[in-house]
Amino acid sequence: MTLEVMARADGPIPLDLAFRVEPGELLALVGPSGSGKTTVLRTIAGLWQPAQARVTVQGKVWLDSATGVAMPAHRRRVGVVFQNYALFPHKTAAQNVACAIDHLEGGARRDEALRLLDLVNLQGLSARKPAELSGGQQQRVAVARALARRPDALLLDEPFSAVDRATREKLYAEIIALRAHLAMPVVLVTHDMTEAQLLADRMVVIDAGRMVATGATGSVMSDPKALHAMGIREAAAMVGAVVRGHDADGMTELQTPAGPLWLPRFDAAPDTRVRVRIMAHEVIVSRARPEGLSAQNILAVKVIDLRAGDGPAVMVRLALGQDIILARITRRAANQLALEPGDQVHAILKSMSVARDHIATDTHSPPRYEGDKTVS
């Protein structure tokens, strides 16, 4: 079910981009407000048509301006989760989900709605109306309803913007777990780089309707053009680790290929695999292993390359096992250290510099949900 999108328009919202999303892949559209992210989602869903566009899913043409094909929105098998969730206030959670099920009747429709609510961890809440649910619970109902259409593509438009930070942390973990059940392409629109890095396999960075960069998340996050479009301080890298345990002093120990990583305690059982988002401006580079520092994390890494921006900063890419960590340092510091690709150095990180919502459980290969069946 590969999703392929091409859209070009001079106005009223300028667009010039093309990308594809593979089955089971989550692609994040990121960029500043007004850059055209939601317009792209509306194009895919059939709610807006650019001057030139082509949208195909699994070989089926939804939109092709060159041949005059423009399938209406209600005929496109697409699931959409809006910013405000758009739930029917007078219907229960089960009824909201059931209204999107058009392939079953009667009791079978209700059974399917309950199954989807279970899938998004809303067991026992099927009879509640939206006003009786928290923001996070409403978001999960919206996701279940989107899946109820047996979509060929799932579109998420700023799905976490209406909930508080604590709820958002929980929802990140739940979406990561839910992704293991999804075999369709997923497109996430967000301006939140933490969100994009925790959830996405690949990114498309949009600025003023045009594609600035595209590729794997780690690659995009070290691309100077992409960083400029997103704001340079957003530069960060994701590092895989395994929880070793929790200490009495309130710290959690993680194991990485470069050694232990100590962070403020977070809830995760020993041996849980996690991904940690580390901001580039929080990383210090040292030639020798330092002594007598308050920083708890000193990781042995290797310089991959150095990428200079337009200002006084240099982005240093460092190999940490199979992962890449980024360090944003000054040109002066890079010159004083005489850094070269291949050099063995140390990356230094304060434990308190990693926010709790920059940590996510890393799930692996459970069965996937595809339409109305579960596949291995």
Protein backbone atom coordinates (compact mmCIF):
# COMPACT_ATOMS: atom_id res chain seq x y z
CA MET A 1 0.00 0.00 0.00
CA THR A 2 2.65 2.56 -0.98
CA LEU A 3 1.38 6.14 -0.87
CA GLU A 4 2.82 8.45 -3.55
CA VAL A 5 2.17 12.19 -3.47
CA MET A 6 3.05 15.02 -5.86
CA ALA A 7 1.60 18.50 -5.44
CA ARG A 8 2.39 21.82 -7.14
CA ALA A 9 0.54 25.13 -6.91
CA ASP A 10 1.44 28.81 -7.10
CA GLY A 11 -1.35 29.87 -4.73
CA PRO A 12 -3.27 30.64 -2.68
CA ILE A 13 -0.94 28.28 -0.79
CA PRO A 14 2.27 27.64 -2.77
CA LEU A 15 3.32 24.00 -3.01
CA ASP A 16 6.12 22.16 -4.78
CA LEU A 17 6.87 18.72 -3.37
CA ALA A 18 6.80 15.00 -4.02
CA PHE A 19 7.32 12.04 -1.68
CA ARG A 20 6.31 8.44 -1.04
CA VAL A 21 5.48 6.49 2.10
CA GLU A 22 5.90 2.73 2.25
CA PRO A 23 3.48 0.29 3.94
CA GLY A 24 3.93 0.34 7.73
CA GLU A 25 6.17 3.42 7.55
CA LEU A 26 5.48 6.65 9.43
CA LEU A 27 6.60 9.78 7.64
CA ALA A 28 6.56 13.13 9.45
CA LEU A 29 5.84 16.36 7.59
CA VAL A 30 7.60 19.03 9.62
CA GLY A 31 8.14 22.74 9.24
CA PRO A 32 7.07 26.11 10.65
CA SER A 33 3.44 27.18 10.93
CA GLY A 34 2.02 28.17 7.55
CA SER A 35 4.54 26.10 5.60
CA GLY A 36 1.84 23.97 3.92
CA LYS A 37 1.90 20.78 6.01
CA THR A 38 -1.85 20.54 6.62
CA THR A 39 -2.54 21.53 3.01
CA VAL A 40 -0.61 18.44 1.89
CA LEU A 41 -2.76 16.28 4.17
CA ARG A 42 -5.92 17.90 2.77
CA THR A 43 -4.68 17.10 -0.73
CA ILE A 44 -4.22 13.43 0.16
CA ALA A 45 -7.62 13.25 1.88
CA GLY A 46 -9.44 14.87 -1.05
CA LEU A 47 -10.37 18.08 0.78
CA TRP A 48 -8.31 20.36 -1.50
CA GLN A 49 -6.88 20.09 -5.01
CA PRO A 50 -3.71 21.88 -6.14
CA ALA A 51 -3.25 23.02 -9.75
CA GLN A 52 -0.99 20.04 -10.43
CA ALA A 53 -1.21 16.93 -8.30
CA ARG A 54 -1.09 13.18 -8.29
CA VAL A 55 -1.95 10.94 -5.34
CA THR A 56 -1.87 7.15 -5.61
CA VAL A 57 -2.20 4.39 -3.02
CA GLN A 58 -1.41 0.77 -3.83
CA GLY A 59 -1.58 1.63 -7.51
CA LYS A 60 -5.07 3.16 -7.17
CA VAL A 61 -5.27 6.73 -8.47
CA TRP A 62 -7.03 9.07 -6.04
CA LEU A 63 -6.01 12.26 -7.80
CA ASP A 64 -4.34 13.02 -11.13
CA SER A 65 -4.74 16.53 -12.47
CA ALA A 66 -3.13 15.53 -15.78
CA THR A 67 -5.89 13.00 -16.60
CA GLY A 68 -8.75 14.67 -14.75
CA VAL A 69 -9.11 11.99 -12.06
CA ALA A 70 -10.32 13.43 -8.74
CA MET A 71 -11.86 10.80 -6.49
CA PRO A 72 -14.13 12.48 -3.91
CA ALA A 73 -13.08 12.40 -0.27
CA HIS A 74 -15.79 9.97 0.84
CA ARG A 75 -14.59 7.35 -1.66
CA ARG A 76 -10.94 7.48 -0.60
CA ARG A 77 -10.13 4.83 1.99
CA VAL A 78 -8.24 7.23 4.20
CA GLY A 79 -8.31 7.59 7.99
CA VAL A 80 -7.80 11.09 9.36
CA VAL A 81 -7.19 12.19 12.96
CA PHE A 82 -7.75 15.95 13.23
CA GLN A 83 -6.27 18.35 15.79
CA ASN A 84 -9.60 18.65 17.64
CA TYR A 85 -10.51 14.95 17.05
CA ALA A 86 -13.94 15.94 15.55
CA LEU A 87 -15.91 13.40 17.60
CA PHE A 88 -19.72 13.44 17.66
CA PRO A 89 -20.55 14.84 21.13
CA HIS A 90 -23.91 13.06 21.39
CA LYS A 91 -22.50 9.61 20.58
CA THR A 92 -20.60 7.20 22.82
CA ALA A 93 -17.03 6.14 22.11
CA ALA A 94 -18.30 2.88 20.56
CA GLN A 95 -20.88 4.72 18.45
CA ASN A 96 -18.26 7.21 17.23
CA VAL A 97 -16.11 4.32 16.03
CA ALA A 98 -19.03 2.29 14.65
CA CYS A 99 -20.20 5.17 12.46
CA ALA A 100 -17.02 4.78 10.39
CA ILE A 101 -17.54 1.03 9.84
CA ASP A 102 -19.32 0.59 6.51
CA HIS A 103 -18.49 -3.04 5.77
CA LEU A 104 -20.41 -4.66 8.65
CA GLU A 105 -23.95 -4.58 10.00
CA GLY A 106 -25.64 -4.66 13.42
CA GLY A 107 -23.90 -6.61 16.16
CA ALA A 108 -20.84 -7.29 14.01
CA ARG A 109 -20.32 -3.53 13.64
CA ARG A 110 -20.46 -3.00 17.41
CA ASP A 111 -18.09 -5.94 18.01
CA GLU A 112 -15.60 -4.43 15.58
CA ALA A 113 -15.89 -1.03 17.29
CA LEU A 114 -15.17 -2.62 20.68
CA ARG A 115 -12.19 -4.50 19.23
CA LEU A 116 -10.71 -1.27 17.89
CA LEU A 117 -11.26 0.50 21.21
CA ASP A 118 -9.39 -2.37 22.88
CA LEU A 119 -6.58 -1.92 20.36
CA VAL A 120 -6.10 1.68 21.52
CA ASN A 121 -6.32 0.74 25.22
CA LEU A 122 -9.85 2.03 25.92
CA GLN A 123 -11.26 -1.14 27.41
CA GLY A 124 -14.34 -0.44 29.54
CA LEU A 125 -14.89 3.10 28.24
CA SER A 126 -17.02 2.28 25.18
CA ALA A 127 -20.26 3.71 26.70
CA ARG A 128 -18.78 7.12 27.58
CA LYS A 129 -19.43 10.21 25.50
CA PRO A 130 -16.57 12.57 24.54
CA ALA A 131 -17.36 14.99 27.39
CA GLU A 132 -16.81 12.12 29.84
CA LEU A 133 -13.37 11.30 28.42
CA SER A 134 -10.01 12.98 28.95
CA GLY A 135 -8.22 14.64 26.04
CA GLY A 136 -5.92 11.67 25.64
CA GLN A 137 -8.86 9.25 25.66
CA GLN A 138 -10.67 11.32 23.03
CA GLN A 139 -7.54 11.18 20.88
CA ARG A 140 -7.53 7.39 21.11
CA VAL A 141 -11.20 7.23 20.12
CA ALA A 142 -10.33 9.37 17.08
CA VAL A 143 -7.53 6.96 16.14
CA ALA A 144 -9.85 3.96 16.54
CA ARG A 145 -12.43 5.65 14.34
CA ALA A 146 -9.80 6.39 11.69
CA LEU A 147 -8.77 2.71 11.70
CA ALA A 148 -12.42 1.64 11.47
CA ARG A 149 -12.49 2.74 7.84
CA ARG A 150 -9.92 0.04 7.03
CA PRO A 151 -7.81 2.84 5.53
CA ASP A 152 -5.25 2.49 2.78
CA ALA A 153 -3.47 5.46 4.43
CA LEU A 154 -3.64 7.02 7.90
CA LEU A 155 -3.21 10.78 8.29
CA LEU A 156 -2.46 12.41 11.67
CA ASP A 157 -2.83 16.20 11.74
CA GLU A 158 -1.13 17.59 14.87
CA PRO A 159 -2.86 14.84 16.90
CA PHE A 160 -1.25 15.76 20.25
CA SER A 161 -1.65 19.54 20.17
CA ALA A 162 -4.83 19.55 22.29
CA VAL A 163 -3.43 17.64 25.29
CA ASP A 164 -1.07 18.61 28.10
CA ARG A 165 2.56 17.55 28.23
CA ALA A 166 2.07 14.67 30.68
CA THR A 167 -0.71 13.19 28.54
CA ARG A 168 1.39 13.70 25.42
CA GLU A 169 4.20 11.60 26.91
CA LYS A 170 1.80 8.69 27.47
CA LEU A 171 0.31 9.05 23.99
CA TYR A 172 3.73 8.94 22.34
CA ALA A 173 4.33 5.53 23.93
CA GLU A 174 0.88 4.31 22.91
CA ILE A 175 1.25 5.45 19.31
CA ILE A 176 4.64 3.74 19.11
CA ALA A 177 3.05 0.52 20.41
CA LEU A 178 0.05 0.91 18.08
CA ARG A 179 2.33 1.33 15.06
CA ALA A 180 3.33 -2.31 15.39
CA HIS A 181 -0.25 -3.17 14.37
CA LEU A 182 -0.38 -0.89 11.33
CA ALA A 183 0.51 -2.07 7.85
CA MET A 184 -0.65 1.02 5.97
CA PRO A 185 1.45 4.15 5.28
CA VAL A 186 1.09 6.80 8.00
CA VAL A 187 1.67 10.55 7.54
CA LEU A 188 2.09 12.72 10.64
CA VAL A 189 1.91 16.51 10.44
CA THR A 190 3.73 18.20 13.30
CA HIS A 191 5.84 21.22 14.16
CA ASP A 192 7.19 19.43 17.25
CA MET A 193 10.59 17.91 16.55
CA THR A 194 10.49 15.72 19.66
CA GLU A 195 7.28 14.21 18.33
CA ALA A 196 8.73 13.71 14.86
CA GLN A 197 11.93 12.08 16.08
CA LEU A 198 10.24 9.77 18.56
CA LEU A 199 7.59 8.55 16.13
CA ALA A 200 8.83 8.87 12.55
CA ASP A 201 10.95 6.63 10.34
CA ARG A 202 11.50 9.40 7.80
CA MET A 203 10.91 13.14 7.56
CA VAL A 204 9.96 15.63 4.89
CA VAL A 205 10.89 19.17 5.91
CA ILE A 206 8.69 21.83 4.31
CA ASP A 207 9.31 25.57 4.23
CA ALA A 208 6.97 27.92 2.32
CA GLY A 209 5.38 24.93 0.60
CA ARG A 210 8.64 23.55 -0.74
CA MET A 211 10.58 20.50 0.28
CA VAL A 212 13.80 21.54 2.01
CA ALA A 213 14.99 18.04 2.92
CA THR A 214 13.78 14.47 3.00
CA GLY A 215 15.24 11.21 4.26
CA ALA A 216 15.75 9.09 7.34
CA THR A 217 15.14 11.00 10.57
CA GLY A 218 18.78 10.87 11.69
CA SER A 219 20.03 12.09 8.32
CA VAL A 220 17.61 15.00 8.15
CA MET A 221 18.49 16.10 11.67
CA SER A 222 22.11 16.64 10.63
CA ASP A 223 21.25 18.48 7.37
CA PRO A 224 22.14 22.21 7.72
CA LYS A 225 19.36 23.32 5.31
CA ALA A 226 16.76 21.30 7.17
CA LEU A 227 18.01 22.59 10.51
CA HIS A 228 17.77 26.17 9.31
CA ALA A 229 14.14 25.62 8.27
CA MET A 230 13.28 24.00 11.61
CA GLY A 231 15.39 26.25 13.84
CA ILE A 232 19.00 25.31 14.56
CA ARG A 233 18.46 24.63 18.26
CA GLU A 234 16.13 21.79 17.35
CA ALA A 235 19.08 19.69 16.13
CA ALA A 236 19.05 16.40 17.99
CA ALA A 237 19.76 12.70 17.57
CA MET A 238 18.03 9.51 18.70
CA VAL A 239 20.11 6.94 20.58
CA GLY A 240 19.01 3.38 21.28
CA ALA A 241 19.62 1.97 24.77
CA VAL A 242 18.49 -0.73 27.20
CA VAL A 243 17.28 -0.03 30.74
CA ARG A 244 19.66 -1.65 33.25
CA GLY A 245 17.91 -0.58 36.45
CA HIS A 246 16.85 2.20 38.80
CA ASP A 247 18.97 3.48 41.68
CA ALA A 248 17.86 4.75 45.10
CA ASP A 249 19.19 8.23 44.35
CA GLY A 250 16.52 8.75 41.66
CA MET A 251 18.60 7.87 38.60
CA THR A 252 17.95 5.31 35.86
CA GLU A 253 20.89 3.51 34.27
CA LEU A 254 20.80 2.77 30.55
CA GLN A 255 23.26 0.66 28.60
CA THR A 256 24.53 1.98 25.24
CA PRO A 257 27.26 0.64 22.93
CA ALA A 258 29.52 3.42 24.25
CA GLY A 259 28.90 2.74 27.93
CA PRO A 260 26.34 3.61 30.62
CA LEU A 261 23.97 6.54 30.28
CA TRP A 262 22.47 7.99 33.48
CA LEU A 263 19.18 9.89 33.36
CA PRO A 264 16.61 11.08 35.91
CA ARG A 265 14.37 8.15 36.83
CA PHE A 266 11.57 7.25 34.40
CA ASP A 267 9.12 4.36 34.44
CA ALA A 268 10.43 1.37 32.50
CA ALA A 269 11.20 -2.20 33.52
CA PRO A 270 14.80 -3.51 33.34
CA ASP A 271 15.73 -4.83 29.87
CA THR A 272 13.24 -2.47 28.19
CA ARG A 273 14.61 -1.08 24.94
CA VAL A 274 14.21 2.68 24.66
CA ARG A 275 15.16 5.53 22.36
CA VAL A 276 16.55 8.74 23.85
CA ARG A 277 16.49 12.13 22.11
CA ILE A 278 19.69 14.05 22.82
CA MET A 279 19.87 17.72 21.85
CA ALA A 280 23.01 18.68 19.92
CA HIS A 281 23.59 21.87 21.90
CA GLU A 282 23.72 19.83 25.14
CA VAL A 283 26.70 17.71 24.00
CA ILE A 284 30.32 18.66 24.77
CA VAL A 285 33.22 17.06 22.88
CA SER A 286 36.55 16.24 24.55
CA ARG A 287 39.74 14.73 23.13
CA ALA A 288 40.66 13.07 26.45
CA ARG A 289 38.36 11.46 28.98
CA PRO A 290 37.78 14.25 31.53
CA GLU A 291 37.99 13.82 35.30
CA GLY A 292 36.27 15.67 38.13
CA LEU A 293 33.15 16.72 36.24
CA SER A 294 29.62 16.89 37.60
CA ALA A 295 28.36 15.51 34.26
CA GLN A 296 27.57 11.80 34.71
CA ASN A 297 27.67 10.73 31.08
CA ILE A 298 30.98 10.40 29.26
CA LEU A 299 30.61 8.27 26.12
CA ALA A 300 33.42 7.03 23.86
CA VAL A 301 32.50 7.96 20.28
CA LYS A 302 34.12 8.43 16.86
CA VAL A 303 33.93 11.52 14.64
CA ILE A 304 32.06 10.85 11.40
CA ASP A 305 32.23 14.33 9.89
CA LEU A 306 31.87 18.04 10.61
CA ARG A 307 29.24 20.19 8.91
CA ALA A 308 29.59 23.97 9.09
CA GLY A 309 26.55 26.24 8.98
CA ASP A 310 26.31 29.88 7.96
CA GLY A 311 27.14 31.17 11.46
CA PRO A 312 29.86 30.37 14.00
CA ALA A 313 28.58 26.85 14.73
CA VAL A 314 29.72 23.46 13.47
CA MET A 315 27.65 20.28 13.65
CA VAL A 316 29.81 17.30 14.58
CA ARG A 317 28.36 13.87 13.79
CA LEU A 318 29.62 11.20 16.17
CA ALA A 319 29.24 7.42 15.86
CA LEU A 320 27.86 5.72 18.97
CA GLY A 321 27.62 2.06 17.96
CA GLN A 322 25.11 1.92 15.12
CA ASP A 323 23.59 5.25 16.17
CA ILE A 324 24.69 8.82 15.50
CA ILE A 325 24.90 11.51 18.15
CA LEU A 326 25.18 15.20 17.24
CA ALA A 327 27.25 17.90 18.94
CA ARG A 328 26.77 21.57 18.07
CA ILE A 329 29.99 23.37 18.91
CA THR A 330 31.74 26.55 17.72
CA ARG A 331 34.16 26.63 14.79
CA ARG A 332 36.78 27.89 17.26
CA ALA A 333 36.31 24.80 19.44
CA ALA A 334 36.45 22.49 16.43
CA ASN A 335 39.68 24.14 15.27
CA GLN A 336 41.25 24.03 18.73
CA LEU A 337 40.45 20.31 19.02
CA ALA A 338 41.64 19.77 15.41
CA LEU A 339 38.77 17.34 14.88
CA GLU A 340 38.96 15.07 11.84
CA PRO A 341 36.76 12.20 10.61
CA GLY A 342 37.84 8.98 12.31
CA ASP A 343 39.09 10.62 15.52
CA GLN A 344 38.23 8.85 18.77
CA VAL A 345 36.77 11.38 21.21
CA HIS A 346 34.38 11.59 24.15
CA ALA A 347 30.85 13.02 24.17
CA ILE A 348 29.83 14.56 27.50
CA LEU A 349 26.18 14.96 28.49
CA LYS A 350 24.59 16.20 31.70
CA SER A 351 21.96 13.79 33.03
CA MET A 352 19.50 16.62 33.67
CA SER A 353 19.70 17.84 30.06
CA VAL A 354 17.42 15.03 28.79
CA ALA A 355 13.71 15.72 29.28
CA ARG A 356 11.43 12.85 30.30
CA ASP A 357 9.29 13.26 27.18
CA HIS A 358 12.43 12.76 25.06
CA ILE A 359 12.46 9.06 26.00
CA ALA A 360 10.28 6.47 24.29
CA THR A 361 9.92 2.72 24.48
CA ASP A 362 11.31 0.98 21.40
CA THR A 363 8.93 -1.79 20.30
CA HIS A 364 9.88 -4.58 17.90
CA SER A 365 7.86 -6.67 15.45
CA PRO A 366 4.52 -7.51 17.10
CA PRO A 367 1.69 -8.47 14.68
CA ARG A 368 0.37 -5.66 12.48
CA TYR A 369 -3.23 -4.53 12.04
CA GLU A 370 -4.26 -4.37 8.39
CA GLY A 371 -7.89 -3.54 7.68
CA ASP A 372 -10.01 -6.12 9.49
CA LYS A 373 -7.38 -8.76 10.04
CA THR A 374 -4.18 -9.20 12.04
CA VAL A 375 -1.06 -10.28 10.17
CA SER A 376 2.33 -11.44 11.42
